Structures are given as C-alpha cells and as structure tokens.
PDB file of N, CA and C in Angstrom:
ATOM      1  N   MET A   1     158.509 129.841 119.590  1.00  0.00           N
ATOM      2  CA  MET A   1     159.007 128.606 118.774  1.00  0.00           C
ATOM      3  C   MET A   1     157.635 127.947 118.371  1.00  0.00           C
ATOM      4  N   LEU A   2     157.684 127.392 117.109  1.00  0.00           N
ATOM      5  CA  LEU A   2     156.610 126.542 116.692  1.00  0.00           C
ATOM      6  C   LEU A   2     157.134 125.158 116.310  1.00  0.00           C
ATOM      7  N   THR A   3     156.210 124.216 116.574  1.00  0.00           N
ATOM      8  CA  THR A   3     156.399 122.808 116.119  1.00  0.00           C
ATOM      9  C   THR A   3     155.101 121.968 116.140  1.00  0.00           C
ATOM     10  N   ASP A   4     155.039 120.898 115.401  1.00  0.00           N
ATOM     11  CA  ASP A   4     153.969 120.103 115.358  1.00  0.00           C
ATOM     12  C   ASP A   4     153.837 119.111 116.384  1.00  0.00           C
ATOM     13  N   ASP A   5     154.719 119.196 117.427  1.00  0.00           N
ATOM     14  CA  ASP A   5     154.861 118.112 118.528  1.00  0.00           C
ATOM     15  C   ASP A   5     154.343 118.928 119.799  1.00  0.00           C
ATOM     16  N   LYS A   6     153.207 118.852 120.399  1.00  0.00           N
ATOM     17  CA  LYS A   6     152.836 119.566 121.489  1.00  0.00           C
ATOM     18  C   LYS A   6     153.582 118.959 122.777  1.00  0.00           C
ATOM     19  N   ALA A   7     154.045 117.795 122.706  1.00  0.00           N
ATOM     20  CA  ALA A   7     154.824 117.224 123.873  1.00  0.00           C
ATOM     21  C   ALA A   7     156.269 117.655 124.038  1.00  0.00           C
ATOM     22  N   VAL A   8     156.810 118.438 123.024  1.00  0.00           N
ATOM     23  CA  VAL A   8     158.313 118.743 122.879  1.00  0.00           C
ATOM     24  C   VAL A   8     158.508 119.559 124.067  1.00  0.00           C
ATOM     25  N   PHE A   9     157.777 120.455 124.659  1.00  0.00           N
ATOM     26  CA  PHE A   9     158.033 121.420 125.636  1.00  0.00           C
ATOM     27  C   PHE A   9     158.648 120.563 126.877  1.00  0.00           C
ATOM     28  N   ASP A  10     158.256 119.279 127.198  1.00  0.00           N
ATOM     29  CA  ASP A  10     158.872 118.382 128.178  1.00  0.00           C
ATOM     30  C   ASP A  10     160.300 118.200 127.972  1.00  0.00           C
ATOM     31  N   ARG A  11     160.763 118.254 126.840  1.00  0.00           N
ATOM     32  CA  ARG A  11     162.101 118.010 126.529  1.00  0.00           C
ATOM     33  C   ARG A  11     163.075 119.240 126.564  1.00  0.00           C
ATOM     34  N   PHE A  12     162.426 120.311 126.617  1.00  0.00           N
ATOM     35  CA  PHE A  12     163.194 121.611 126.555  1.00  0.00           C
ATOM     36  C   PHE A  12     164.342 121.737 127.654  1.00  0.00           C
ATOM     37  N   ALA A  13     163.969 121.247 128.865  1.00  0.00           N
ATOM     38  CA  ALA A  13     164.978 121.438 130.053  1.00  0.00           C
ATOM     39  C   ALA A  13     166.075 120.636 129.775  1.00  0.00           C
ATOM     40  N   GLY A  14     165.977 119.394 129.378  1.00  0.00           N
ATOM     41  CA  GLY A  14     167.059 118.522 129.002  1.00  0.00           C
ATOM     42  C   GLY A  14     167.824 118.965 127.986  1.00  0.00           C
ATOM     43  N   ALA A  15     167.342 119.516 126.928  1.00  0.00           N
ATOM     44  CA  ALA A  15     168.007 120.028 125.749  1.00  0.00           C
ATOM     45  C   ALA A  15     168.821 121.221 126.047  1.00  0.00           C
ATOM     46  N   LEU A  16     168.511 122.033 127.082  1.00  0.00           N
ATOM     47  CA  LEU A  16     169.276 123.299 127.380  1.00  0.00           C
ATOM     48  C   LEU A  16     170.232 123.085 128.493  1.00  0.00           C
ATOM     49  N   ALA A  17     170.281 121.762 129.010  1.00  0.00           N
ATOM     50  CA  ALA A  17     171.228 121.467 130.343  1.00  0.00           C
ATOM     51  C   ALA A  17     172.672 121.774 129.835  1.00  0.00           C
ATOM     52  N   GLY A  18     173.021 121.478 128.749  1.00  0.00           N
ATOM     53  CA  GLY A  18     174.388 121.645 128.473  1.00  0.00           C
ATOM     54  C   GLY A  18     175.015 123.129 128.258  1.00  0.00           C
ATOM     55  N   LEU A  19     174.045 124.021 128.273  1.00  0.00           N
ATOM     56  CA  LEU A  19     174.448 125.452 128.091  1.00  0.00           C
ATOM     57  C   LEU A  19     174.409 126.346 129.361  1.00  0.00           C
ATOM     58  N   GLY A  20     173.956 125.630 130.495  1.00  0.00           N
ATOM     59  CA  GLY A  20     174.065 126.390 131.752  1.00  0.00           C
ATOM     60  C   GLY A  20     173.159 125.830 132.712  1.00  0.00           C
ATOM     61  N   GLU A  21     172.678 126.584 133.903  1.00  0.00           N
ATOM     62  CA  GLU A  21     171.808 126.266 134.889  1.00  0.00           C
ATOM     63  C   GLU A  21     170.395 126.296 134.214  1.00  0.00           C
ATOM     64  N   VAL A  22     169.546 125.205 134.443  1.00  0.00           N
ATOM     65  CA  VAL A  22     168.261 125.195 133.838  1.00  0.00           C
ATOM     66  C   VAL A  22     167.231 124.847 135.014  1.00  0.00           C
ATOM     67  N   LEU A  23     166.257 125.750 135.140  1.00  0.00           N
ATOM     68  CA  LEU A  23     165.147 125.605 136.003  1.00  0.00           C
ATOM     69  C   LEU A  23     163.809 125.281 135.296  1.00  0.00           C
ATOM     70  N   GLN A  24     163.030 124.478 135.812  1.00  0.00           N
ATOM     71  CA  GLN A  24     161.614 124.355 135.257  1.00  0.00           C
ATOM     72  C   GLN A  24     160.729 124.439 136.483  1.00  0.00           C
ATOM     73  N   VAL A  25     159.856 125.445 136.288  1.00  0.00           N
ATOM     74  CA  VAL A  25     158.832 125.779 137.290  1.00  0.00           C
ATOM     75  C   VAL A  25     157.500 125.749 136.693  1.00  0.00           C
ATOM     76  N   SER A  26     156.547 125.192 137.654  1.00  0.00           N
ATOM     77  CA  SER A  26     155.160 125.114 137.169  1.00  0.00           C
ATOM     78  C   SER A  26     154.395 126.013 138.282  1.00  0.00           C
ATOM     79  N   GLY A  27     153.421 126.657 137.786  1.00  0.00           N
ATOM     80  CA  GLY A  27     152.496 127.373 138.747  1.00  0.00           C
ATOM     81  C   GLY A  27     151.219 127.690 138.077  1.00  0.00           C
ATOM     82  N   SER A  28     150.365 128.579 138.752  1.00  0.00           N
ATOM     83  CA  SER A  28     149.162 128.847 138.174  1.00  0.00           C
ATOM     84  C   SER A  28     148.984 129.402 136.854  1.00  0.00           C
ATOM     85  N   GLN A  29     149.895 129.926 136.317  1.00  0.00           N
ATOM     86  CA  GLN A  29     149.973 130.584 135.037  1.00  0.00           C
ATOM     87  C   GLN A  29     150.521 129.601 133.992  1.00  0.00           C
ATOM     88  N   GLY A  30     151.002 128.484 134.433  1.00  0.00           N
ATOM     89  CA  GLY A  30     151.664 127.512 133.462  1.00  0.00           C
ATOM     90  C   GLY A  30     152.979 127.168 133.863  1.00  0.00           C
ATOM     91  N   THR A  31     153.797 126.536 132.848  1.00  0.00           N
ATOM     92  CA  THR A  31     155.097 126.070 133.267  1.00  0.00           C
ATOM     93  C   THR A  31     156.143 126.928 132.387  1.00  0.00           C
ATOM     94  N   VAL A  32     157.201 127.223 132.935  1.00  0.00           N
ATOM     95  CA  VAL A  32     158.322 127.771 132.357  1.00  0.00           C
ATOM     96  C   VAL A  32     159.702 127.053 132.407  1.00  0.00           C
ATOM     97  N   VAL A  33     160.488 127.090 131.503  1.00  0.00           N
ATOM     98  CA  VAL A  33     161.905 126.513 131.564  1.00  0.00           C
ATOM     99  C   VAL A  33     162.734 127.731 131.209  1.00  0.00           C
ATOM    100  N   GLN A  34     163.693 127.863 132.256  1.00  0.00           N
ATOM    101  CA  GLN A  34     164.563 129.023 132.171  1.00  0.00           C
ATOM    102  C   GLN A  34     166.141 128.555 132.243  1.00  0.00           C
ATOM    103  N   LEU A  35     166.708 129.068 131.282  1.00  0.00           N
ATOM    104  CA  LEU A  35     168.248 128.826 131.314  1.00  0.00           C
ATOM    105  C   LEU A  35     169.023 130.137 131.630  1.00  0.00           C
ATOM    106  N   SER A  36     170.004 129.920 132.389  1.00  0.00           N
ATOM    107  CA  SER A  36     170.866 130.925 132.950  1.00  0.00           C
ATOM    108  C   SER A  36     172.252 130.448 132.297  1.00  0.00           C
ATOM    109  N   ASP A  37     172.840 131.287 131.323  1.00  0.00           N
ATOM    110  CA  ASP A  37     174.042 130.878 130.867  1.00  0.00           C
ATOM    111  C   ASP A  37     175.273 131.179 131.855  1.00  0.00           C
ATOM    112  N   GLU A  38     176.509 130.973 131.423  1.00  0.00           N
ATOM    113  CA  GLU A  38     177.706 131.233 132.184  1.00  0.00           C
ATOM    114  C   GLU A  38     177.831 132.663 132.385  1.00  0.00           C
ATOM    115  N   HIS A  39     177.302 133.730 131.655  1.00  0.00           N
ATOM    116  CA  HIS A  39     177.320 135.177 131.784  1.00  0.00           C
ATOM    117  C   HIS A  39     176.136 135.624 132.589  1.00  0.00           C
ATOM    118  N   GLY A  40     175.193 134.876 133.089  1.00  0.00           N
ATOM    119  CA  GLY A  40     173.993 135.237 133.633  1.00  0.00           C
ATOM    120  C   GLY A  40     172.888 135.618 132.892  1.00  0.00           C
ATOM    121  N   ARG A  41     173.011 135.433 131.501  1.00  0.00           N
ATOM    122  CA  ARG A  41     171.947 135.862 130.592  1.00  0.00           C
ATOM    123  C   ARG A  41     170.845 134.754 130.655  1.00  0.00           C
ATOM    124  N   LEU A  42     169.653 135.349 130.566  1.00  0.00           N
ATOM    125  CA  LEU A  42     168.476 134.321 130.574  1.00  0.00           C
ATOM    126  C   LEU A  42     167.807 134.054 129.281  1.00  0.00           C
ATOM    127  N   PHE A  43     167.431 132.876 129.013  1.00  0.00           N
ATOM    128  CA  PHE A  43     166.512 132.515 128.105  1.00  0.00           C
ATOM    129  C   PHE A  43     165.169 131.725 128.605  1.00  0.00           C
ATOM    130  N   THR A  44     164.047 132.325 128.636  1.00  0.00           N
ATOM    131  CA  THR A  44     162.853 131.681 129.227  1.00  0.00           C
ATOM    132  C   THR A  44     161.959 131.332 128.099  1.00  0.00           C
ATOM    133  N   VAL A  45     161.396 130.091 128.175  1.00  0.00           N
ATOM    134  CA  VAL A  45     160.452 129.513 127.347  1.00  0.00           C
ATOM    135  C   VAL A  45     159.104 129.203 128.108  1.00  0.00           C
ATOM    136  N   PHE A  46     157.981 129.418 127.521  1.00  0.00           N
ATOM    137  CA  PHE A  46     156.737 129.316 128.232  1.00  0.00           C
ATOM    138  C   PHE A  46     156.211 128.241 127.574  1.00  0.00           C
ATOM    139  N   ASP A  47     155.249 127.420 128.317  1.00  0.00           N
ATOM    140  CA  ASP A  47     154.552 126.174 127.733  1.00  0.00           C
ATOM    141  C   ASP A  47     153.280 126.602 126.894  1.00  0.00           C
ATOM    142  N   ALA A  48     152.737 127.855 126.872  1.00  0.00           N
ATOM    143  CA  ALA A  48     151.647 128.238 126.133  1.00  0.00           C
ATOM    144  C   ALA A  48     151.759 129.626 125.682  1.00  0.00           C
ATOM    145  N   VAL A  49     150.878 129.980 124.746  1.00  0.00           N
ATOM    146  CA  VAL A  49     150.719 131.437 124.270  1.00  0.00           C
ATOM    147  C   VAL A  49     149.650 131.933 125.039  1.00  0.00           C
ATOM    148  N   PRO A  50     149.942 133.170 125.745  1.00  0.00           N
ATOM    149  CA  PRO A  50     148.939 133.967 126.596  1.00  0.00           C
ATOM    150  C   PRO A  50     147.621 134.094 125.801  1.00  0.00           C
ATOM    151  N   LYS A  51     146.517 134.011 126.409  1.00  0.00           N
ATOM    152  CA  LYS A  51     145.221 134.249 125.709  1.00  0.00           C
ATOM    153  C   LYS A  51     145.182 135.815 125.335  1.00  0.00           C
ATOM    154  N   GLY A  52     144.752 136.011 124.201  1.00  0.00           N
ATOM    155  CA  GLY A  52     144.526 137.355 123.621  1.00  0.00           C
ATOM    156  C   GLY A  52     145.669 137.765 122.691  1.00  0.00           C
ATOM    157  N   VAL A  53     146.752 137.012 122.633  1.00  0.00           N
ATOM    158  CA  VAL A  53     147.855 137.387 121.769  1.00  0.00           C
ATOM    159  C   VAL A  53     148.301 136.284 120.773  1.00  0.00           C
ATOM    160  N   GLU A  54     147.246 135.428 120.461  1.00  0.00           N
ATOM    161  CA  GLU A  54     147.501 134.360 119.712  1.00  0.00           C
ATOM    162  C   GLU A  54     147.819 134.754 118.133  1.00  0.00           C
ATOM    163  N   TRP A  55     147.333 135.930 117.760  1.00  0.00           N
ATOM    164  CA  TRP A  55     147.624 136.467 116.456  1.00  0.00           C
ATOM    165  C   TRP A  55     148.890 136.717 116.164  1.00  0.00           C
ATOM    166  N   GLU A  56     149.738 136.962 117.181  1.00  0.00           N
ATOM    167  CA  GLU A  56     151.214 137.233 117.065  1.00  0.00           C
ATOM    168  C   GLU A  56     151.988 135.972 116.545  1.00  0.00           C
ATOM    169  N   VAL A  57     151.406 134.766 116.749  1.00  0.00           N
ATOM    170  CA  VAL A  57     151.993 133.733 116.615  1.00  0.00           C
ATOM    171  C   VAL A  57     151.512 133.113 115.087  1.00  0.00           C
ATOM    172  N   PHE A  58     150.173 133.146 114.960  1.00  0.00           N
ATOM    173  CA  PHE A  58     149.519 132.426 113.889  1.00  0.00           C
ATOM    174  C   PHE A  58     149.276 133.202 112.589  1.00  0.00           C
ATOM    175  N   GLN A  59     149.738 134.594 112.534  1.00  0.00           N
ATOM    176  CA  GLN A  59     149.690 135.302 111.322  1.00  0.00           C
ATOM    177  C   GLN A  59     150.616 134.684 110.275  1.00  0.00           C
ATOM    178  N   GLU A  60     150.372 135.025 108.957  1.00  0.00           N
ATOM    179  CA  GLU A  60     151.371 134.357 107.935  1.00  0.00           C
ATOM    180  C   GLU A  60     152.613 135.226 108.002  1.00  0.00           C
ATOM    181  N   PRO A  61     153.633 134.515 108.120  1.00  0.00           N
ATOM    182  CA  PRO A  61     155.174 135.203 108.092  1.00  0.00           C
ATOM    183  C   PRO A  61     155.556 135.352 106.693  1.00  0.00           C
ATOM    184  N   PRO A  62     156.436 136.189 106.340  1.00  0.00           N
ATOM    185  CA  PRO A  62     157.169 136.146 105.137  1.00  0.00           C
ATOM    186  C   PRO A  62     157.976 134.790 104.954  1.00  0.00           C
ATOM    187  N   THR A  63     158.231 134.551 103.750  1.00  0.00           N
ATOM    188  CA  THR A  63     158.770 133.205 103.420  1.00  0.00           C
ATOM    189  C   THR A  63     160.241 133.427 103.109  1.00  0.00           C
ATOM    190  N   PRO A  64     161.231 133.103 103.890  1.00  0.00           N
ATOM    191  CA  PRO A  64     162.616 133.147 103.584  1.00  0.00           C
ATOM    192  C   PRO A  64     162.891 132.158 102.473  1.00  0.00           C
ATOM    193  N   SER A  65     163.800 132.658 101.556  1.00  0.00           N
ATOM    194  CA  SER A  65     164.116 131.800 100.332  1.00  0.00           C
ATOM    195  C   SER A  65     164.669 130.361 100.783  1.00  0.00           C
ATOM    196  N   GLY A  66     164.087 129.406 100.073  1.00  0.00           N
ATOM    197  CA  GLY A  66     164.419 128.076 100.344  1.00  0.00           C
ATOM    198  C   GLY A  66     164.019 127.501 101.479  1.00  0.00           C
ATOM    199  N   ARG A  67     163.081 127.980 102.239  1.00  0.00           N
ATOM    200  CA  ARG A  67     162.570 127.372 103.569  1.00  0.00           C
ATOM    201  C   ARG A  67     161.299 126.834 103.289  1.00  0.00           C
ATOM    202  N   ARG A  68     161.043 125.664 103.927  1.00  0.00           N
ATOM    203  CA  ARG A  68     159.673 124.904 103.845  1.00  0.00           C
ATOM    204  C   ARG A  68     158.848 125.467 105.188  1.00  0.00           C
ATOM    205  N   LEU A  69     157.756 126.077 104.894  1.00  0.00           N
ATOM    206  CA  LEU A  69     156.918 126.545 106.121  1.00  0.00           C
ATOM    207  C   LEU A  69     155.964 125.613 106.649  1.00  0.00           C
ATOM    208  N   PRO A  70     155.825 125.397 107.762  1.00  0.00           N
ATOM    209  CA  PRO A  70     154.660 124.626 108.393  1.00  0.00           C
ATOM    210  C   PRO A  70     153.444 125.395 108.329  1.00  0.00           C
ATOM    211  N   SER A  71     152.123 124.730 108.280  1.00  0.00           N
ATOM    212  CA  SER A  71     150.925 125.319 108.238  1.00  0.00           C
ATOM    213  C   SER A  71     150.802 125.983 109.588  1.00  0.00           C
ATOM    214  N   LEU A  72     150.660 127.281 109.594  1.00  0.00           N
ATOM    215  CA  LEU A  72     150.571 128.090 110.845  1.00  0.00           C
ATOM    216  C   LEU A  72     149.113 128.165 111.400  1.00  0.00           C
ATOM    217  N   LYS A  73     148.152 127.556 110.506  1.00  0.00           N
ATOM    218  CA  LYS A  73     146.765 127.611 110.893  1.00  0.00           C
ATOM    219  C   LYS A  73     146.203 126.240 111.297  1.00  0.00           C
ATOM    220  N   CYS A  74     147.259 125.397 111.487  1.00  0.00           N
ATOM    221  CA  CYS A  74     146.845 123.977 111.827  1.00  0.00           C
ATOM    222  C   CYS A  74     146.648 123.699 113.278  1.00  0.00           C
ATOM    223  N   ASP A  75     145.549 123.020 113.613  1.00  0.00           N
ATOM    224  CA  ASP A  75     145.288 122.693 115.060  1.00  0.00           C
ATOM    225  C   ASP A  75     146.325 121.915 115.763  1.00  0.00           C
ATOM    226  N   ASP A  76     147.251 121.270 114.922  1.00  0.00           N
ATOM    227  CA  ASP A  76     148.258 120.446 115.678  1.00  0.00           C
ATOM    228  C   ASP A  76     149.552 121.307 115.851  1.00  0.00           C
ATOM    229  N   LEU A  77     149.706 122.431 115.335  1.00  0.00           N
ATOM    230  CA  LEU A  77     150.765 123.287 115.756  1.00  0.00           C
ATOM    231  C   LEU A  77     150.822 123.848 116.953  1.00  0.00           C
ATOM    232  N   ALA A  78     151.991 123.525 117.681  1.00  0.00           N
ATOM    233  CA  ALA A  78     152.318 124.003 119.084  1.00  0.00           C
ATOM    234  C   ALA A  78     153.114 125.232 119.111  1.00  0.00           C
ATOM    235  N   ALA A  79     152.794 126.329 119.785  1.00  0.00           N
ATOM    236  CA  ALA A  79     153.628 127.554 119.934  1.00  0.00           C
ATOM    237  C   ALA A  79     153.934 127.745 121.335  1.00  0.00           C
ATOM    238  N   PHE A  80     155.442 127.953 121.581  1.00  0.00           N
ATOM    239  CA  PHE A  80     156.074 128.222 122.824  1.00  0.00           C
ATOM    240  C   PHE A  80     156.724 129.524 122.784  1.00  0.00           C
ATOM    241  N   PRO A  81     156.079 130.494 123.400  1.00  0.00           N
ATOM    242  CA  PRO A  81     156.733 131.920 123.439  1.00  0.00           C
ATOM    243  C   PRO A  81     157.999 131.868 124.388  1.00  0.00           C
ATOM    244  N   PHE A  82     158.899 132.738 124.024  1.00  0.00           N
ATOM    245  CA  PHE A  82     160.171 132.718 124.740  1.00  0.00           C
ATOM    246  C   PHE A  82     160.521 134.272 125.127  1.00  0.00           C
ATOM    247  N   GLU A  83     161.354 134.456 125.994  1.00  0.00           N
ATOM    248  CA  GLU A  83     161.957 135.745 126.316  1.00  0.00           C
ATOM    249  C   GLU A  83     163.419 135.679 126.529  1.00  0.00           C
ATOM    250  N   SER A  84     164.108 136.535 125.757  1.00  0.00           N
ATOM    251  CA  SER A  84     165.510 136.754 125.906  1.00  0.00           C
ATOM    252  C   SER A  84     165.967 138.003 125.300  1.00  0.00           C
ATOM    253  N   ARG A  85     167.070 138.652 125.652  1.00  0.00           N
ATOM    254  CA  ARG A  85     167.488 139.829 125.153  1.00  0.00           C
ATOM    255  C   ARG A  85     168.694 139.590 124.266  1.00  0.00           C
ATOM    256  N   TRP A  86     169.234 138.515 124.196  1.00  0.00           N
ATOM    257  CA  TRP A  86     170.452 138.040 123.529  1.00  0.00           C
ATOM    258  C   TRP A  86     170.225 137.383 122.308  1.00  0.00           C
ATOM    259  N   PRO A  87     170.439 137.815 121.075  1.00  0.00           N
ATOM    260  CA  PRO A  87     170.081 136.918 119.937  1.00  0.00           C
ATOM    261  C   PRO A  87     171.214 135.775 120.018  1.00  0.00           C
ATOM    262  N   GLU A  88     172.469 135.972 120.273  1.00  0.00           N
ATOM    263  CA  GLU A  88     173.375 134.871 120.319  1.00  0.00           C
ATOM    264  C   GLU A  88     173.008 133.713 121.222  1.00  0.00           C
ATOM    265  N   LEU A  89     172.573 134.138 122.426  1.00  0.00           N
ATOM    266  CA  LEU A  89     171.958 133.072 123.210  1.00  0.00           C
ATOM    267  C   LEU A  89     170.655 132.368 122.797  1.00  0.00           C
ATOM    268  N   VAL A  90     169.800 133.192 122.195  1.00  0.00           N
ATOM    269  CA  VAL A  90     168.535 132.505 121.630  1.00  0.00           C
ATOM    270  C   VAL A  90     169.072 131.457 120.408  1.00  0.00           C
ATOM    271  N   ALA A  91     170.032 131.882 119.550  1.00  0.00           N
ATOM    272  CA  ALA A  91     170.521 130.978 118.598  1.00  0.00           C
ATOM    273  C   ALA A  91     170.979 129.763 119.180  1.00  0.00           C
ATOM    274  N   ARG A  92     171.985 129.870 120.153  1.00  0.00           N
ATOM    275  CA  ARG A  92     172.533 128.539 120.953  1.00  0.00           C
ATOM    276  C   ARG A  92     171.477 127.905 121.443  1.00  0.00           C
ATOM    277  N   ALA A  93     170.429 128.408 122.190  1.00  0.00           N
ATOM    278  CA  ALA A  93     169.378 127.573 122.809  1.00  0.00           C
ATOM    279  C   ALA A  93     168.521 126.782 121.708  1.00  0.00           C
ATOM    280  N   LEU A  94     168.119 127.591 120.704  1.00  0.00           N
ATOM    281  CA  LEU A  94     167.357 126.953 119.692  1.00  0.00           C
ATOM    282  C   LEU A  94     168.053 125.793 119.007  1.00  0.00           C
ATOM    283  N   SER A  95     169.395 125.989 118.656  1.00  0.00           N
ATOM    284  CA  SER A  95     170.268 124.972 118.088  1.00  0.00           C
ATOM    285  C   SER A  95     170.212 123.666 119.077  1.00  0.00           C
ATOM    286  N   ALA A  96     170.409 124.056 120.420  1.00  0.00           N
ATOM    287  CA  ALA A  96     170.424 122.759 121.205  1.00  0.00           C
ATOM    288  C   ALA A  96     169.167 122.048 121.324  1.00  0.00           C
ATOM    289  N   ILE A  97     167.941 122.783 121.186  1.00  0.00           N
ATOM    290  CA  ILE A  97     166.673 122.266 121.216  1.00  0.00           C
ATOM    291  C   ILE A  97     166.434 121.477 119.950  1.00  0.00           C
ATOM    292  N   ALA A  98     166.952 121.933 118.853  1.00  0.00           N
ATOM    293  CA  ALA A  98     166.814 121.318 117.536  1.00  0.00           C
ATOM    294  C   ALA A  98     167.610 119.999 117.486  1.00  0.00           C
ATOM    295  N   ASP A  99     168.752 119.906 118.171  1.00  0.00           N
ATOM    296  CA  ASP A  99     169.590 118.721 118.217  1.00  0.00           C
ATOM    297  C   ASP A  99     168.843 117.569 119.059  1.00  0.00           C
ATOM    298  N   VAL A 100     168.038 118.007 119.951  1.00  0.00           N
ATOM    299  CA  VAL A 100     167.471 116.971 120.878  1.00  0.00           C
ATOM    300  C   VAL A 100     166.154 116.426 120.349  1.00  0.00           C
ATOM    301  N   VAL A 101     165.353 117.191 119.781  1.00  0.00           N
ATOM    302  CA  VAL A 101     164.073 116.909 119.403  1.00  0.00           C
ATOM    303  C   VAL A 101     164.046 116.298 117.943  1.00  0.00           C
ATOM    304  N   ASP A 102     163.189 115.322 117.815  1.00  0.00           N
ATOM    305  CA  ASP A 102     163.104 114.633 116.484  1.00  0.00           C
ATOM    306  C   ASP A 102     162.220 115.432 115.454  1.00  0.00           C
ATOM    307  N   GLU A 103     161.245 116.227 116.142  1.00  0.00           N
ATOM    308  CA  GLU A 103     160.548 116.981 115.083  1.00  0.00           C
ATOM    309  C   GLU A 103     161.112 118.350 114.700  1.00  0.00           C
ATOM    310  N   ARG A 104     160.604 118.861 113.671  1.00  0.00           N
ATOM    311  CA  ARG A 104     161.103 120.247 113.259  1.00  0.00           C
ATOM    312  C   ARG A 104     160.585 121.326 114.181  1.00  0.00           C
ATOM    313  N   VAL A 105     161.464 122.218 114.473  1.00  0.00           N
ATOM    314  CA  VAL A 105     161.105 123.337 115.421  1.00  0.00           C
ATOM    315  C   VAL A 105     161.488 124.572 114.613  1.00  0.00           C
ATOM    316  N   TRP A 106     160.634 125.548 114.764  1.00  0.00           N
ATOM    317  CA  TRP A 106     160.866 126.833 114.033  1.00  0.00           C
ATOM    318  C   TRP A 106     160.744 127.987 115.001  1.00  0.00           C
ATOM    319  N   LEU A 107     161.342 128.978 114.632  1.00  0.00           N
ATOM    320  CA  LEU A 107     161.427 130.271 115.408  1.00  0.00           C
ATOM    321  C   LEU A 107     160.822 131.355 114.467  1.00  0.00           C
ATOM    322  N   LEU A 108     159.825 132.124 115.031  1.00  0.00           N
ATOM    323  CA  LEU A 108     159.153 133.196 114.388  1.00  0.00           C
ATOM    324  C   LEU A 108     159.735 134.414 115.095  1.00  0.00           C
ATOM    325  N   ASP A 109     160.607 135.162 114.373  1.00  0.00           N
ATOM    326  CA  ASP A 109     161.262 136.379 115.046  1.00  0.00           C
ATOM    327  C   ASP A 109     160.410 137.736 115.058  1.00  0.00           C
ATOM    328  N   GLY A 110     160.907 138.616 115.647  1.00  0.00           N
ATOM    329  CA  GLY A 110     160.247 139.894 115.785  1.00  0.00           C
ATOM    330  C   GLY A 110     159.913 140.642 114.484  1.00  0.00           C
ATOM    331  N   ASP A 111     160.481 140.404 113.341  1.00  0.00           N
ATOM    332  CA  ASP A 111     160.310 140.923 112.079  1.00  0.00           C
ATOM    333  C   ASP A 111     159.375 139.905 111.263  1.00  0.00           C
ATOM    334  N   GLY A 112     158.829 138.944 111.845  1.00  0.00           N
ATOM    335  CA  GLY A 112     157.913 137.918 111.289  1.00  0.00           C
ATOM    336  C   GLY A 112     158.621 136.956 110.367  1.00  0.00           C
ATOM    337  N   VAL A 113     159.870 136.855 110.514  1.00  0.00           N
ATOM    338  CA  VAL A 113     160.772 135.839 109.787  1.00  0.00           C
ATOM    339  C   VAL A 113     160.768 134.473 110.362  1.00  0.00           C
ATOM    340  N   LEU A 114     160.497 133.438 109.643  1.00  0.00           N
ATOM    341  CA  LEU A 114     160.473 132.098 110.157  1.00  0.00           C
ATOM    342  C   LEU A 114     161.755 131.382 109.884  1.00  0.00           C
ATOM    343  N   TRP A 115     162.476 131.045 111.090  1.00  0.00           N
ATOM    344  CA  TRP A 115     163.700 130.378 110.901  1.00  0.00           C
ATOM    345  C   TRP A 115     163.558 128.904 111.380  1.00  0.00           C
ATOM    346  N   ASP A 116     164.423 128.001 110.704  1.00  0.00           N
ATOM    347  CA  ASP A 116     164.565 126.729 111.214  1.00  0.00           C
ATOM    348  C   ASP A 116     165.425 126.870 112.514  1.00  0.00           C
ATOM    349  N   ALA A 117     164.971 126.176 113.606  1.00  0.00           N
ATOM    350  CA  ALA A 117     165.687 126.380 114.959  1.00  0.00           C
ATOM    351  C   ALA A 117     167.224 125.852 114.890  1.00  0.00           C
ATOM    352  N   GLY A 118     167.576 125.077 113.969  1.00  0.00           N
ATOM    353  CA  GLY A 118     169.003 124.670 113.860  1.00  0.00           C
ATOM    354  C   GLY A 118     169.837 125.513 113.171  1.00  0.00           C
ATOM    355  N   SER A 119     169.280 126.723 112.673  1.00  0.00           N
ATOM    356  CA  SER A 119     170.089 127.498 111.515  1.00  0.00           C
ATOM    357  C   SER A 119     169.580 129.027 111.826  1.00  0.00           C
ATOM    358  N   VAL A 120     169.457 129.459 113.021  1.00  0.00           N
ATOM    359  CA  VAL A 120     169.182 130.920 113.421  1.00  0.00           C
ATOM    360  C   VAL A 120     170.460 131.662 113.366  1.00  0.00           C
ATOM    361  N   ASP A 121     170.478 132.604 112.662  1.00  0.00           N
ATOM    362  CA  ASP A 121     171.525 133.589 112.337  1.00  0.00           C
ATOM    363  C   ASP A 121     171.348 134.637 113.470  1.00  0.00           C
ATOM    364  N   PRO A 122     172.269 134.729 114.527  1.00  0.00           N
ATOM    365  CA  PRO A 122     172.177 135.784 115.554  1.00  0.00           C
ATOM    366  C   PRO A 122     172.285 137.140 115.192  1.00  0.00           C
ATOM    367  N   VAL A 123     173.039 137.314 113.912  1.00  0.00           N
ATOM    368  CA  VAL A 123     173.238 138.696 113.492  1.00  0.00           C
ATOM    369  C   VAL A 123     172.022 139.188 112.864  1.00  0.00           C
ATOM    370  N   ARG A 124     171.282 138.379 112.127  1.00  0.00           N
ATOM    371  CA  ARG A 124     169.960 138.694 111.417  1.00  0.00           C
ATOM    372  C   ARG A 124     168.776 138.612 112.182  1.00  0.00           C
ATOM    373  N   LEU A 125     168.696 137.844 113.268  1.00  0.00           N
ATOM    374  CA  LEU A 125     167.590 137.718 114.133  1.00  0.00           C
ATOM    375  C   LEU A 125     167.253 138.958 114.806  1.00  0.00           C
ATOM    376  N   ARG A 126     165.902 139.050 114.773  1.00  0.00           N
ATOM    377  CA  ARG A 126     165.220 140.217 115.442  1.00  0.00           C
ATOM    378  C   ARG A 126     164.352 139.750 116.579  1.00  0.00           C
ATOM    379  N   LEU A 127     164.654 140.097 117.704  1.00  0.00           N
ATOM    380  CA  LEU A 127     163.891 139.819 119.008  1.00  0.00           C
ATOM    381  C   LEU A 127     162.743 140.847 119.282  1.00  0.00           C
TER     382      LEU A 127
END
C-alpha cells in the first residue's frame, strides 16, 4: 500500500476492526497489524518496507486508464507491505482502510498495477 501520510499506519487496526479480529503487535522487526476474518483468512500489513527490496515498491508502475498516480519517487511517500492469499479479502481490507483515512491510499499489485484502495477489483487483482 502507498500513501503520502506516514502516520496512516496507526489507523489501520481501527479501520479493519469491523472485518474480524485484529491484532497489532510490535517487536524488534517493527509493527504489524493482522486481520483474521470470519473464515480464518489472514491479511497482515507491515509498518515498513524491508531493507533491500525497496525497488519492488518504488519502480514506475503501468498507468491504468483514468487513474491519477502519486509520485513514487517522493520522500514523503510511505509504503506499507502486506501479505494475504485472498484477493477478495485484500479488496475488502483496502476498502475499509480507504473509508477511514482522509488521505489517498493506493495498492501496487503483483503485476505492477496501481489501484485506488477504495476500488480494488478482486477478480483482476494479482497478489
């Protein structure tokens, strides 16, 4: 996930609370927020991009028609990696986050397509 608000991570747990059980855990490697939905599926978001893989986030993605892209090379851009196996759960989680935060939040998928967090298509999303 990408946004220009570095403090938005602090609001993820609250945003996801309506979708299932949410844990926020801090440790030596950073902080994670993990959602477990009613089917036991997990969506985990991390507070930072691991060192050495920054290129995965900040390379220039393709531009989907009609989308306004944020500057991916901006020092103000914050990236929050996530893990999940279920595109439908990712779409629901990102929509919940987009509803709660005031700033724009984007998702860069596995094919390098940039989605507005509030309109992720789980059928076309590539994890």
